[in-house]
Amino acid sequence: MLASAAHVRDAYLADARTTLPAPVTGYIAQRSVQVGQRVATGTPLMSVVPLNQVWVDANFKEWQLRHIKVGQSVDLTADVYGSKVVYHGKVAGFTPGTGSALALLPAQNATGNWIKVVQRLPVRIAIPPEELEKHPLRVGLSMNVDVNVKATSDAGVNDDPNSTYKTDVFAKYGDEANDAIARIIADNE
């Protein structure tokens, strides 16, 4: 009976995993799969972009970072709306390195000519959802950013803007499989 229950559980989970619920509400981007296409485990199918909770990665030069701290207020304007719409964000965090240092294949200076190049470091700026609701943004738009470096409070800052994107959407399937097995056993006793 335990072997049969294990087979039912495996079949239930295999069937349940044929549907992939999205952990967030958003728009489909970079779709690389078609209906009916077979995919291998780990194959990226698409991106889901939640436009109700976006952030801006502003690339500042090294010397500009001297006075920027988490929690400082930021005024942002998007080229798409012009200066009449101002977003009021907060500095949420810093990327641990520059784009060139964290690149898959970092640039190498093989010629021996060492020239100082000012690097840029992305600074993550969170934008309040209520402002995004009034004036939606899209991925990849140009923004002008003005950080209030005199402000030092970090009150109300979410250090990880991606924290709401974590999901345990598949956790319920194990419980549902166990319930189905218990129901089958009870019906056949």
N, C-alpha and C. Protein backbone atom coordinates (compact mmCIF):
# COMPACT_ATOMS: atom_id res chain seq x y z
N MET A 1 0.82 -1.19 0.00
CA MET A 1 0.00 0.00 0.00
C MET A 1 0.87 1.26 0.00
N LEU A 2 2.01 1.21 0.70
CA LEU A 2 2.90 2.38 0.72
C LEU A 2 3.49 2.66 -0.65
N ALA A 3 3.78 1.59 -1.40
CA ALA A 3 4.32 1.77 -2.75
C ALA A 3 3.28 2.41 -3.65
N SER A 4 2.03 1.98 -3.53
CA SER A 4 0.94 2.57 -4.32
C SER A 4 0.75 4.04 -3.96
N ALA A 5 0.80 4.35 -2.68
CA ALA A 5 0.66 5.74 -2.24
C ALA A 5 1.79 6.59 -2.79
N ALA A 6 2.99 6.04 -2.83
CA ALA A 6 4.13 6.78 -3.38
C ALA A 6 3.95 7.04 -4.87
N HIS A 7 3.41 6.06 -5.61
CA HIS A 7 3.16 6.24 -7.05
C HIS A 7 2.09 7.30 -7.28
N VAL A 8 1.03 7.28 -6.47
CA VAL A 8 -0.03 8.30 -6.60
C VAL A 8 0.54 9.68 -6.31
N ARG A 9 1.36 9.75 -5.27
CA ARG A 9 1.98 11.05 -4.91
C ARG A 9 2.85 11.55 -6.05
N ASP A 10 3.69 10.68 -6.61
CA ASP A 10 4.56 11.09 -7.73
C ASP A 10 3.75 11.54 -8.93
N ALA A 11 2.68 10.80 -9.26
CA ALA A 11 1.83 11.16 -10.40
C ALA A 11 1.13 12.49 -10.15
N TYR A 12 0.65 12.68 -8.93
CA TYR A 12 -0.04 13.94 -8.60
C TYR A 12 0.92 15.12 -8.75
N LEU A 13 2.12 14.99 -8.19
CA LEU A 13 3.09 16.08 -8.27
C LEU A 13 3.53 16.33 -9.71
N ALA A 14 3.70 15.28 -10.50
CA ALA A 14 4.09 15.46 -11.91
C ALA A 14 3.00 16.22 -12.66
N ASP A 15 1.74 15.88 -12.40
CA ASP A 15 0.64 16.58 -13.06
C ASP A 15 0.54 18.03 -12.57
N ALA A 16 0.67 18.25 -11.29
CA ALA A 16 0.56 19.61 -10.73
C ALA A 16 1.66 20.52 -11.27
N ARG A 17 2.81 19.97 -11.53
CA ARG A 17 3.94 20.78 -11.97
C ARG A 17 3.92 21.08 -13.47
N THR A 18 2.89 20.62 -14.17
CA THR A 18 2.76 20.98 -15.59
C THR A 18 2.20 22.39 -15.74
N THR A 19 1.65 22.95 -14.67
CA THR A 19 1.18 24.33 -14.66
C THR A 19 2.16 25.15 -13.84
N LEU A 20 2.63 26.24 -14.42
CA LEU A 20 3.60 27.08 -13.72
C LEU A 20 2.97 28.40 -13.32
N PRO A 21 2.49 28.50 -12.09
CA PRO A 21 1.90 29.77 -11.67
C PRO A 21 2.99 30.82 -11.45
N ALA A 22 2.69 32.05 -11.82
CA ALA A 22 3.65 33.13 -11.62
C ALA A 22 3.59 33.59 -10.17
N PRO A 23 4.74 33.85 -9.55
CA PRO A 23 4.74 34.29 -8.15
C PRO A 23 4.33 35.75 -7.98
N VAL A 24 4.28 36.51 -9.08
CA VAL A 24 3.90 37.92 -9.02
C VAL A 24 2.99 38.25 -10.19
N THR A 25 2.24 39.34 -10.05
CA THR A 25 1.45 39.85 -11.15
C THR A 25 2.34 40.75 -11.98
N GLY A 26 2.31 40.59 -13.28
CA GLY A 26 3.17 41.42 -14.11
C GLY A 26 2.94 41.17 -15.58
N TYR A 27 3.89 41.61 -16.36
CA TYR A 27 3.83 41.50 -17.82
C TYR A 27 4.90 40.52 -18.29
N ILE A 28 4.56 39.77 -19.33
CA ILE A 28 5.51 38.80 -19.89
C ILE A 28 6.52 39.54 -20.76
N ALA A 29 7.80 39.23 -20.56
CA ALA A 29 8.87 39.81 -21.36
C ALA A 29 9.85 38.70 -21.71
N GLN A 30 10.54 38.85 -22.77
CA GLN A 30 11.58 37.91 -23.21
C GLN A 30 11.06 36.48 -23.28
N ARG A 31 9.92 36.28 -23.89
CA ARG A 31 9.36 34.94 -24.02
C ARG A 31 10.17 34.15 -25.04
N SER A 32 10.63 32.98 -24.63
CA SER A 32 11.46 32.16 -25.52
C SER A 32 10.86 30.77 -25.74
N VAL A 33 9.56 30.61 -25.45
CA VAL A 33 8.92 29.31 -25.58
C VAL A 33 7.58 29.49 -26.27
N GLN A 34 7.16 28.47 -26.99
CA GLN A 34 5.88 28.48 -27.69
C GLN A 34 4.98 27.39 -27.12
N VAL A 35 3.68 27.54 -27.28
CA VAL A 35 2.72 26.56 -26.80
C VAL A 35 3.01 25.21 -27.46
N GLY A 36 3.07 24.16 -26.65
CA GLY A 36 3.31 22.81 -27.16
C GLY A 36 4.78 22.43 -27.24
N GLN A 37 5.66 23.37 -27.05
CA GLN A 37 7.09 23.11 -27.14
C GLN A 37 7.56 22.35 -25.91
N ARG A 38 8.44 21.35 -26.10
CA ARG A 38 9.03 20.63 -24.98
C ARG A 38 10.24 21.42 -24.50
N VAL A 39 10.36 21.50 -23.17
CA VAL A 39 11.49 22.24 -22.60
C VAL A 39 12.19 21.35 -21.59
N ALA A 40 13.47 21.59 -21.45
CA ALA A 40 14.27 20.84 -20.48
C ALA A 40 14.23 21.55 -19.14
N THR A 41 14.50 20.80 -18.10
CA THR A 41 14.55 21.37 -16.75
C THR A 41 15.58 22.49 -16.71
N GLY A 42 15.19 23.60 -16.12
CA GLY A 42 16.11 24.73 -15.98
C GLY A 42 16.13 25.67 -17.16
N THR A 43 15.35 25.39 -18.20
CA THR A 43 15.32 26.28 -19.36
C THR A 43 14.52 27.54 -19.04
N PRO A 44 15.12 28.72 -19.22
CA PRO A 44 14.34 29.95 -19.00
C PRO A 44 13.24 30.06 -20.05
N LEU A 45 12.00 30.25 -19.60
CA LEU A 45 10.87 30.32 -20.52
C LEU A 45 10.49 31.76 -20.86
N MET A 46 10.52 32.61 -19.86
CA MET A 46 10.14 34.01 -20.03
C MET A 46 10.49 34.76 -18.76
N SER A 47 10.36 36.06 -18.83
CA SER A 47 10.49 36.90 -17.63
C SER A 47 9.13 37.48 -17.32
N VAL A 48 8.81 37.56 -16.05
CA VAL A 48 7.59 38.24 -15.61
C VAL A 48 8.05 39.53 -14.94
N VAL A 49 7.64 40.65 -15.51
CA VAL A 49 8.06 41.96 -15.01
C VAL A 49 6.92 42.58 -14.21
N PRO A 50 7.07 42.68 -12.89
CA PRO A 50 6.02 43.30 -12.07
C PRO A 50 6.18 44.81 -12.08
N LEU A 51 5.37 45.50 -12.87
CA LEU A 51 5.54 46.93 -13.04
C LEU A 51 4.94 47.76 -11.91
N ASN A 52 4.31 47.10 -10.94
CA ASN A 52 3.77 47.85 -9.81
C ASN A 52 4.80 48.01 -8.70
N GLN A 53 5.96 47.43 -8.87
CA GLN A 53 7.01 47.54 -7.85
C GLN A 53 8.37 47.50 -8.53
N VAL A 54 8.67 48.55 -9.27
CA VAL A 54 9.95 48.61 -9.97
C VAL A 54 10.92 49.48 -9.19
N TRP A 55 12.15 49.42 -9.58
CA TRP A 55 13.19 50.24 -8.98
C TRP A 55 14.06 50.77 -10.09
N VAL A 56 14.92 51.69 -9.74
CA VAL A 56 15.86 52.28 -10.69
C VAL A 56 17.26 51.95 -10.22
N ASP A 57 18.09 51.47 -11.13
CA ASP A 57 19.51 51.31 -10.85
C ASP A 57 20.21 52.49 -11.50
N ALA A 58 20.61 53.47 -10.69
CA ALA A 58 21.27 54.67 -11.19
C ALA A 58 22.77 54.45 -11.11
N ASN A 59 23.46 54.67 -12.22
CA ASN A 59 24.89 54.46 -12.28
C ASN A 59 25.63 55.76 -11.95
N PHE A 60 26.23 55.79 -10.76
CA PHE A 60 26.97 56.97 -10.33
C PHE A 60 28.46 56.73 -10.49
N LYS A 61 29.19 57.80 -10.78
CA LYS A 61 30.64 57.72 -10.84
C LYS A 61 31.17 57.54 -9.42
N GLU A 62 32.38 56.97 -9.33
CA GLU A 62 32.97 56.67 -8.03
C GLU A 62 32.96 57.88 -7.09
N TRP A 63 33.38 59.00 -7.56
CA TRP A 63 33.49 60.18 -6.71
C TRP A 63 32.12 60.70 -6.27
N GLN A 64 31.07 60.37 -6.99
CA GLN A 64 29.72 60.81 -6.62
C GLN A 64 29.15 59.99 -5.46
N LEU A 65 29.72 58.83 -5.19
CA LEU A 65 29.21 57.94 -4.14
C LEU A 65 29.63 58.35 -2.74
N ARG A 66 30.54 59.29 -2.64
CA ARG A 66 31.13 59.66 -1.36
C ARG A 66 30.09 59.96 -0.28
N HIS A 67 29.00 60.63 -0.64
CA HIS A 67 28.03 61.06 0.37
C HIS A 67 26.67 60.37 0.24
N ILE A 68 26.56 59.39 -0.64
CA ILE A 68 25.28 58.70 -0.83
C ILE A 68 25.18 57.57 0.19
N LYS A 69 24.03 57.52 0.89
CA LYS A 69 23.80 56.50 1.91
C LYS A 69 22.40 55.91 1.74
N VAL A 70 22.23 54.69 2.21
CA VAL A 70 20.93 54.03 2.18
C VAL A 70 19.94 54.86 2.98
N GLY A 71 18.75 55.07 2.41
CA GLY A 71 17.69 55.79 3.08
C GLY A 71 17.53 57.24 2.64
N GLN A 72 18.52 57.76 1.92
CA GLN A 72 18.41 59.15 1.47
C GLN A 72 17.29 59.29 0.44
N SER A 73 16.63 60.44 0.48
CA SER A 73 15.53 60.67 -0.47
C SER A 73 16.09 61.01 -1.84
N VAL A 74 15.31 60.65 -2.87
CA VAL A 74 15.74 60.83 -4.25
C VAL A 74 14.56 61.37 -5.05
N ASP A 75 14.82 62.37 -5.87
CA ASP A 75 13.83 62.86 -6.83
C ASP A 75 14.22 62.32 -8.20
N LEU A 76 13.25 61.71 -8.88
CA LEU A 76 13.51 61.12 -10.18
C LEU A 76 12.51 61.67 -11.20
N THR A 77 12.98 61.89 -12.41
CA THR A 77 12.09 62.24 -13.51
C THR A 77 12.40 61.30 -14.67
N ALA A 78 11.35 60.88 -15.34
CA ALA A 78 11.50 59.98 -16.49
C ALA A 78 11.35 60.78 -17.77
N ASP A 79 12.20 60.50 -18.75
CA ASP A 79 12.11 61.19 -20.02
C ASP A 79 10.73 61.02 -20.66
N VAL A 80 10.08 59.89 -20.39
CA VAL A 80 8.78 59.61 -21.00
C VAL A 80 7.71 60.60 -20.53
N TYR A 81 7.81 61.11 -19.30
CA TYR A 81 6.83 62.07 -18.77
C TYR A 81 7.37 63.50 -18.71
N GLY A 82 8.67 63.66 -18.77
CA GLY A 82 9.25 64.99 -18.65
C GLY A 82 9.32 65.46 -17.21
N SER A 83 9.64 66.72 -17.02
CA SER A 83 9.85 67.25 -15.67
C SER A 83 8.56 67.50 -14.91
N LYS A 84 7.41 67.36 -15.56
CA LYS A 84 6.15 67.60 -14.85
C LYS A 84 5.79 66.48 -13.88
N VAL A 85 6.37 65.27 -14.05
CA VAL A 85 6.13 64.16 -13.13
C VAL A 85 7.42 63.86 -12.39
N VAL A 86 7.37 64.00 -11.07
CA VAL A 86 8.55 63.73 -10.23
C VAL A 86 8.22 62.57 -9.30
N TYR A 87 9.06 61.55 -9.32
CA TYR A 87 8.93 60.41 -8.41
C TYR A 87 9.77 60.71 -7.19
N HIS A 88 9.32 60.26 -6.03
CA HIS A 88 10.03 60.49 -4.77
C HIS A 88 10.46 59.15 -4.20
N GLY A 89 11.69 58.75 -4.52
CA GLY A 89 12.20 57.46 -4.09
C GLY A 89 13.15 57.56 -2.93
N LYS A 90 13.73 56.41 -2.58
CA LYS A 90 14.73 56.33 -1.51
C LYS A 90 15.85 55.42 -1.98
N VAL A 91 17.07 55.74 -1.57
CA VAL A 91 18.20 54.87 -1.86
C VAL A 91 18.00 53.58 -1.08
N ALA A 92 17.91 52.45 -1.80
CA ALA A 92 17.64 51.17 -1.17
C ALA A 92 18.90 50.34 -0.96
N GLY A 93 19.94 50.58 -1.75
CA GLY A 93 21.16 49.80 -1.58
C GLY A 93 22.14 50.02 -2.71
N PHE A 94 23.27 49.35 -2.59
CA PHE A 94 24.35 49.46 -3.57
C PHE A 94 24.67 48.09 -4.12
N THR A 95 25.06 48.04 -5.38
CA THR A 95 25.55 46.80 -5.98
C THR A 95 26.94 46.54 -5.41
N PRO A 96 27.30 45.27 -5.15
CA PRO A 96 28.60 45.00 -4.52
C PRO A 96 29.82 45.28 -5.39
N GLY A 97 29.63 45.62 -6.66
CA GLY A 97 30.76 45.92 -7.52
C GLY A 97 30.32 46.62 -8.78
N THR A 98 31.28 47.09 -9.54
CA THR A 98 30.98 47.76 -10.80
C THR A 98 30.59 46.74 -11.85
N GLY A 99 29.97 47.22 -12.91
CA GLY A 99 29.57 46.32 -13.99
C GLY A 99 30.74 45.60 -14.61
N SER A 100 31.87 46.30 -14.78
CA SER A 100 33.03 45.66 -15.39
C SER A 100 33.65 44.62 -14.47
N ALA A 101 33.62 44.85 -13.16
CA ALA A 101 34.21 43.89 -12.22
C ALA A 101 33.35 42.64 -12.07
N LEU A 102 32.04 42.79 -12.19
CA LEU A 102 31.13 41.66 -12.01
C LEU A 102 30.71 41.01 -13.33
N ALA A 103 31.27 41.47 -14.43
CA ALA A 103 30.92 40.91 -15.74
C ALA A 103 31.36 39.46 -15.83
N LEU A 104 30.64 38.69 -16.65
CA LEU A 104 30.98 37.29 -16.85
C LEU A 104 32.42 37.15 -17.35
N LEU A 105 32.80 38.00 -18.27
CA LEU A 105 34.18 38.05 -18.77
C LEU A 105 34.73 39.45 -18.53
N PRO A 106 35.37 39.70 -17.37
CA PRO A 106 35.87 41.04 -17.09
C PRO A 106 36.92 41.47 -18.10
N ALA A 107 36.95 42.76 -18.38
CA ALA A 107 37.93 43.29 -19.33
C ALA A 107 39.34 43.14 -18.77
N GLN A 108 40.25 42.76 -19.63
CA GLN A 108 41.65 42.62 -19.24
C GLN A 108 42.47 43.61 -20.04
N ASN A 109 43.37 44.28 -19.38
CA ASN A 109 44.25 45.21 -20.07
C ASN A 109 45.55 44.50 -20.36
N ALA A 110 45.65 43.90 -21.52
CA ALA A 110 46.80 43.07 -21.87
C ALA A 110 47.95 43.89 -22.45
N THR A 111 47.74 45.14 -22.79
CA THR A 111 48.79 45.93 -23.44
C THR A 111 49.78 46.53 -22.46
N GLY A 112 49.42 46.59 -21.19
CA GLY A 112 50.33 47.18 -20.22
C GLY A 112 50.13 48.67 -20.06
N ASN A 113 49.25 49.25 -20.84
CA ASN A 113 48.95 50.68 -20.70
C ASN A 113 47.84 50.84 -19.67
N TRP A 114 48.21 51.23 -18.47
CA TRP A 114 47.21 51.35 -17.41
C TRP A 114 46.74 52.79 -17.34
N ILE A 115 45.51 52.98 -17.74
CA ILE A 115 44.89 54.29 -17.73
C ILE A 115 43.76 54.24 -16.72
N LYS A 116 43.72 55.25 -15.87
CA LYS A 116 42.65 55.29 -14.87
C LYS A 116 41.33 55.62 -15.58
N VAL A 117 40.36 54.73 -15.40
CA VAL A 117 39.04 54.92 -15.96
C VAL A 117 38.07 55.03 -14.79
N VAL A 118 37.32 56.11 -14.76
CA VAL A 118 36.34 56.28 -13.68
C VAL A 118 35.25 55.24 -13.86
N GLN A 119 35.05 54.44 -12.83
CA GLN A 119 34.03 53.39 -12.86
C GLN A 119 32.69 53.93 -12.40
N ARG A 120 31.64 53.24 -12.76
CA ARG A 120 30.29 53.58 -12.31
C ARG A 120 29.75 52.42 -11.49
N LEU A 121 29.08 52.76 -10.40
CA LEU A 121 28.51 51.75 -9.52
C LEU A 121 27.00 51.94 -9.46
N PRO A 122 26.23 50.89 -9.76
CA PRO A 122 24.77 51.01 -9.68
C PRO A 122 24.28 51.18 -8.25
N VAL A 123 23.40 52.15 -8.06
CA VAL A 123 22.76 52.43 -6.78
C VAL A 123 21.28 52.15 -6.98
N ARG A 124 20.72 51.25 -6.17
CA ARG A 124 19.31 50.88 -6.31
C ARG A 124 18.43 51.88 -5.60
N ILE A 125 17.43 52.40 -6.32
CA ILE A 125 16.50 53.38 -5.79
C ILE A 125 15.09 52.81 -5.87
N ALA A 126 14.44 52.70 -4.70
CA ALA A 126 13.08 52.18 -4.64
C ALA A 126 12.10 53.33 -4.88
N ILE A 127 11.03 53.03 -5.64
CA ILE A 127 9.99 54.02 -5.94
C ILE A 127 8.69 53.54 -5.31
N PRO A 128 7.97 54.42 -4.62
CA PRO A 128 6.71 54.01 -3.98
C PRO A 128 5.68 53.50 -5.00
N PRO A 129 4.99 52.39 -4.69
CA PRO A 129 4.01 51.81 -5.62
C PRO A 129 2.87 52.77 -5.97
N GLU A 130 2.47 53.62 -5.02
CA GLU A 130 1.36 54.53 -5.32
C GLU A 130 1.74 55.55 -6.40
N GLU A 131 3.00 55.93 -6.47
CA GLU A 131 3.44 56.84 -7.53
C GLU A 131 3.51 56.11 -8.86
N LEU A 132 3.91 54.83 -8.82
CA LEU A 132 3.95 54.03 -10.05
C LEU A 132 2.56 53.77 -10.59
N GLU A 133 1.58 53.69 -9.69
CA GLU A 133 0.20 53.47 -10.13
C GLU A 133 -0.32 54.67 -10.91
N LYS A 134 0.04 55.87 -10.48
CA LYS A 134 -0.41 57.09 -11.16
C LYS A 134 0.32 57.29 -12.48
N HIS A 135 1.62 56.98 -12.49
CA HIS A 135 2.44 57.19 -13.69
C HIS A 135 3.32 55.95 -13.89
N PRO A 136 2.79 54.92 -14.58
CA PRO A 136 3.54 53.66 -14.74
C PRO A 136 4.83 53.86 -15.53
N LEU A 137 5.81 53.07 -15.17
CA LEU A 137 7.09 53.04 -15.88
C LEU A 137 7.25 51.71 -16.58
N ARG A 138 8.17 51.63 -17.51
CA ARG A 138 8.52 50.40 -18.21
C ARG A 138 10.01 50.14 -18.03
N VAL A 139 10.41 48.92 -18.22
CA VAL A 139 11.81 48.53 -18.08
C VAL A 139 12.65 49.20 -19.16
N GLY A 140 13.79 49.76 -18.77
CA GLY A 140 14.74 50.32 -19.73
C GLY A 140 14.58 51.80 -20.03
N LEU A 141 13.64 52.49 -19.38
CA LEU A 141 13.46 53.91 -19.64
C LEU A 141 14.60 54.73 -19.04
N SER A 142 14.84 55.90 -19.62
CA SER A 142 15.86 56.81 -19.10
C SER A 142 15.28 57.66 -17.98
N MET A 143 16.08 57.83 -16.93
CA MET A 143 15.65 58.61 -15.77
C MET A 143 16.73 59.62 -15.41
N ASN A 144 16.30 60.75 -14.87
CA ASN A 144 17.22 61.71 -14.26
C ASN A 144 17.06 61.57 -12.76
N VAL A 145 18.18 61.48 -12.05
CA VAL A 145 18.17 61.18 -10.62
C VAL A 145 18.87 62.28 -9.85
N ASP A 146 18.23 62.73 -8.77
CA ASP A 146 18.81 63.75 -7.90
C ASP A 146 18.70 63.26 -6.46
N VAL A 147 19.84 62.87 -5.86
CA VAL A 147 19.86 62.33 -4.49
C VAL A 147 20.07 63.47 -3.51
N ASN A 148 19.26 63.51 -2.46
CA ASN A 148 19.43 64.49 -1.39
C ASN A 148 20.47 63.94 -0.43
N VAL A 149 21.72 64.32 -0.61
CA VAL A 149 22.82 63.76 0.18
C VAL A 149 22.86 64.31 1.60
N LYS A 150 22.05 65.32 1.92
CA LYS A 150 22.01 65.86 3.28
C LYS A 150 21.16 64.97 4.19
N ALA A 151 20.21 64.24 3.62
CA ALA A 151 19.35 63.34 4.40
C ALA A 151 20.11 62.06 4.72
N THR A 152 20.01 61.58 5.96
CA THR A 152 20.73 60.36 6.33
C THR A 152 19.83 59.31 6.94
N SER A 153 18.53 59.59 7.05
CA SER A 153 17.61 58.64 7.67
C SER A 153 17.38 57.45 6.76
N ASP A 154 17.32 56.26 7.36
CA ASP A 154 16.99 55.08 6.57
C ASP A 154 15.63 54.51 6.99
N ALA A 155 14.79 55.34 7.59
CA ALA A 155 13.47 54.89 8.03
C ALA A 155 12.61 54.52 6.84
N GLY A 156 11.99 53.37 6.93
CA GLY A 156 11.06 52.96 5.88
C GLY A 156 11.71 52.42 4.62
N VAL A 157 12.98 52.11 4.68
CA VAL A 157 13.66 51.60 3.49
C VAL A 157 13.66 50.09 3.52
N ASN A 158 13.28 49.50 2.41
CA ASN A 158 13.33 48.05 2.26
C ASN A 158 14.69 47.73 1.65
N ASP A 159 15.59 47.10 2.41
CA ASP A 159 16.94 46.84 1.92
C ASP A 159 16.97 45.88 0.76
N ASP A 160 15.93 45.08 0.59
CA ASP A 160 15.88 44.13 -0.51
C ASP A 160 14.58 44.30 -1.28
N PRO A 161 14.57 45.16 -2.33
CA PRO A 161 13.33 45.37 -3.09
C PRO A 161 12.78 44.10 -3.71
N ASN A 162 13.61 43.06 -3.84
CA ASN A 162 13.15 41.81 -4.45
C ASN A 162 12.52 40.87 -3.44
N SER A 163 12.50 41.25 -2.16
CA SER A 163 12.04 40.32 -1.13
C SER A 163 10.59 39.89 -1.35
N THR A 164 9.77 40.72 -1.96
CA THR A 164 8.37 40.34 -2.17
C THR A 164 8.23 39.36 -3.32
N TYR A 165 9.28 39.09 -4.04
CA TYR A 165 9.21 38.19 -5.18
C TYR A 165 9.51 36.75 -4.80
N LYS A 166 9.80 36.48 -3.54
CA LYS A 166 10.05 35.12 -3.10
C LYS A 166 8.71 34.40 -3.00
N THR A 167 8.71 33.13 -3.35
CA THR A 167 7.44 32.41 -3.35
C THR A 167 7.63 30.97 -2.90
N ASP A 168 6.59 30.43 -2.33
CA ASP A 168 6.54 29.00 -2.02
C ASP A 168 5.32 28.41 -2.71
N VAL A 169 5.13 28.83 -3.96
CA VAL A 169 3.94 28.50 -4.72
C VAL A 169 3.75 27.00 -4.91
N PHE A 170 4.82 26.22 -4.87
CA PHE A 170 4.71 24.78 -5.05
C PHE A 170 4.57 24.02 -3.74
N ALA A 171 4.70 24.70 -2.61
CA ALA A 171 4.65 24.02 -1.31
C ALA A 171 3.30 23.34 -1.08
N LYS A 172 2.23 23.92 -1.57
CA LYS A 172 0.89 23.37 -1.32
C LYS A 172 0.66 22.05 -2.04
N TYR A 173 1.42 21.77 -3.10
CA TYR A 173 1.19 20.55 -3.87
C TYR A 173 1.46 19.29 -3.08
N GLY A 174 2.44 19.31 -2.19
CA GLY A 174 2.71 18.13 -1.36
C GLY A 174 1.54 17.83 -0.44
N ASP A 175 0.96 18.87 0.15
CA ASP A 175 -0.20 18.68 1.03
C ASP A 175 -1.40 18.18 0.23
N GLU A 176 -1.61 18.74 -0.95
CA GLU A 176 -2.73 18.31 -1.79
C GLU A 176 -2.57 16.85 -2.21
N ALA A 177 -1.33 16.44 -2.51
CA ALA A 177 -1.08 15.05 -2.88
C ALA A 177 -1.38 14.13 -1.70
N ASN A 178 -0.97 14.51 -0.51
CA ASN A 178 -1.24 13.70 0.68
C ASN A 178 -2.75 13.59 0.94
N ASP A 179 -3.48 14.69 0.74
CA ASP A 179 -4.94 14.67 0.90
C ASP A 179 -5.59 13.73 -0.11
N ALA A 180 -5.11 13.77 -1.36
CA ALA A 180 -5.66 12.89 -2.40
C ALA A 180 -5.40 11.42 -2.06
N ILE A 181 -4.21 11.12 -1.56
CA ILE A 181 -3.87 9.74 -1.18
C ILE A 181 -4.77 9.28 -0.04
N ALA A 182 -4.95 10.13 0.97
CA ALA A 182 -5.80 9.77 2.10
C ALA A 182 -7.24 9.53 1.65
N ARG A 183 -7.71 10.34 0.70
CA ARG A 183 -9.06 10.19 0.18
C ARG A 183 -9.22 8.86 -0.59
N ILE A 184 -8.22 8.51 -1.40
CA ILE A 184 -8.26 7.27 -2.16
C ILE A 184 -8.26 6.07 -1.22
N ILE A 185 -7.40 6.12 -0.21
CA ILE A 185 -7.34 5.00 0.76
C ILE A 185 -8.64 4.87 1.50
N ALA A 186 -9.23 5.98 1.93
CA ALA A 186 -10.50 5.94 2.65
C ALA A 186 -11.61 5.42 1.78
N ASP A 187 -11.64 5.78 0.49
CA ASP A 187 -12.68 5.31 -0.43
C ASP A 187 -12.57 3.80 -0.70
N ASN A 188 -11.37 3.26 -0.60
CA ASN A 188 -11.17 1.86 -0.97
C ASN A 188 -11.05 0.93 0.24
N GLU A 189 -11.24 1.43 1.44
CA GLU A 189 -11.15 0.55 2.60
C GLU A 189 -12.47 -0.12 2.86
